[in-house]
Every structure is written in structure tokens, then in C-alpha cells.
Amino acid sequence: MQVVSGGIEEQTTQSLKNLKAVVEASGSSLSQVAKTTVFLKDMNDFVSMNKIYAEFFGDHKPARSAVEVARLPKDVLVEIECIAVASA
């Protein structure tokens, strides 16, 4: 895993691209995401992260939790996980 250079905007964008790839590889889609959890190194980055997050999901608004954590793997600024509904 390589960390993208830049700040919270670049890392949020990459995290969401990675999330989309995993969701689609499982046969689901972003419109089927029911909940996300956003882990932030610094809660002061919430507004910047939220702008990109809102653009990424568009009109679909999955439930979301956002928490500040002491440290993330590879010292990234943001990590995003989700629960998505899979087609039967």
C-alpha cells in the first residue's frame, strides 16, 4: 500500500476511490452503501473531508459515524470503511 502525497483532500479522495473499487468488486455499488465510518487523525479536518465525501456520494446519504483517532496505519490522515448491501 502506498500513501498518496498531499493532505486530507487527496487522502480522502483516494480512500473513497479505494472503497468504491472494493464495493464494486464485491458485486455491489456505492448506491448500496448503508453505513460508513470515517476515522480522522484530526477532527479539524472534518469540513475538508466532508466536502469531498458529499461530492463522492452525491444524492445518496448513507448513515455515517466520524471519529478522531490517535493514530492510523502508515500515519495516514483518514481511513473510511463501509457496510454495503450485496445483490443476492
Protein backbone atom coordinates (compact mmCIF):
# COMPACT_ATOMS: atom_id res chain seq x y z
CA MET A 1 0.00 0.00 0.00
CA GLN A 2 1.29 3.40 -0.96
CA VAL A 3 0.07 6.56 0.72
CA VAL A 4 -0.82 9.39 -1.67
CA SER A 5 1.08 12.60 -1.19
CA GLY A 6 -0.80 15.68 -0.15
CA GLY A 7 -3.20 16.46 2.64
CA ILE A 8 -6.65 15.48 3.81
CA GLU A 9 -8.32 16.23 0.46
CA GLU A 10 -6.02 13.95 -1.53
CA GLN A 11 -6.15 11.19 1.07
CA THR A 12 -9.95 11.37 1.34
CA THR A 13 -10.29 11.17 -2.44
CA GLN A 14 -8.00 8.13 -2.60
CA SER A 15 -9.75 6.43 0.34
CA LEU A 16 -13.10 6.83 -1.39
CA LYS A 17 -11.75 5.58 -4.71
CA ASN A 18 -10.39 2.51 -2.92
CA LEU A 19 -13.70 2.00 -1.11
CA LYS A 20 -15.59 2.20 -4.41
CA ALA A 21 -13.28 -0.35 -6.04
CA VAL A 22 -13.76 -2.84 -3.21
CA VAL A 23 -17.55 -2.37 -3.12
CA GLU A 24 -17.83 -2.82 -6.89
CA ALA A 25 -15.50 -5.84 -6.88
CA SER A 26 -17.90 -7.49 -4.44
CA GLY A 27 -20.80 -7.01 -6.88
CA SER A 28 -22.38 -4.07 -5.11
CA SER A 29 -22.32 -0.32 -5.76
CA LEU A 30 -21.97 2.96 -3.90
CA SER A 31 -25.75 3.38 -4.00
CA GLN A 32 -25.97 0.22 -1.90
CA VAL A 33 -23.70 1.53 0.88
CA ALA A 34 -25.76 1.54 4.08
CA LYS A 35 -23.20 2.95 6.54
CA THR A 36 -19.71 4.37 6.62
CA THR A 37 -17.28 5.00 9.42
CA VAL A 38 -14.69 7.74 8.94
CA PHE A 39 -11.58 7.68 11.08
CA LEU A 40 -9.78 11.03 11.18
CA LYS A 41 -6.37 11.81 12.63
CA ASP A 42 -7.62 15.34 13.37
CA MET A 43 -11.30 16.25 13.70
CA ASN A 44 -10.38 19.74 12.45
CA ASP A 45 -10.13 18.07 9.02
CA PHE A 46 -13.83 17.12 9.10
CA VAL A 47 -15.07 20.02 6.94
CA SER A 48 -12.50 19.34 4.20
CA MET A 49 -13.16 15.60 4.30
CA ASN A 50 -16.93 16.12 4.33
CA LYS A 51 -16.86 18.28 1.19
CA ILE A 52 -15.17 15.52 -0.81
CA TYR A 53 -17.30 12.82 0.82
CA ALA A 54 -20.51 14.67 -0.13
CA GLU A 55 -19.35 15.11 -3.74
CA PHE A 56 -18.41 11.44 -3.94
CA PHE A 57 -21.74 10.06 -2.69
CA GLY A 58 -23.92 12.72 -4.34
CA ASP A 59 -27.61 12.35 -3.51
CA HIS A 60 -27.04 9.03 -1.71
CA LYS A 61 -26.60 9.69 2.00
CA PRO A 62 -25.56 6.54 3.88
CA ALA A 63 -25.55 6.63 7.67
CA ARG A 64 -22.16 7.76 8.91
CA SER A 65 -20.04 7.92 12.03
CA ALA A 66 -16.90 10.06 12.19
CA VAL A 67 -14.36 9.68 14.97
CA GLU A 68 -10.98 11.15 15.76
CA VAL A 69 -8.29 8.57 16.47
CA ALA A 70 -4.81 8.83 17.93
CA ARG A 71 -3.09 7.11 15.03
CA LEU A 72 -3.88 5.31 11.78
CA PRO A 73 -1.79 2.75 9.88
CA LYS A 74 1.08 4.33 7.90
CA ASP A 75 0.25 7.59 9.69
CA VAL A 76 -2.46 8.46 7.15
CA LEU A 77 -4.87 11.29 7.91
CA VAL A 78 -8.12 9.46 7.10
CA GLU A 79 -9.47 5.94 6.75
CA ILE A 80 -13.00 5.10 5.62
CA GLU A 81 -14.85 1.80 5.95
CA CYS A 82 -18.35 0.87 4.87
CA ILE A 83 -21.12 -1.68 5.01
CA ALA A 84 -22.85 -2.23 1.68
CA VAL A 85 -25.78 -4.40 0.65
CA ALA A 86 -24.78 -7.13 -1.79
CA SER A 87 -27.07 -8.40 -4.52
CA ALA A 88 -28.43 -11.87 -3.96
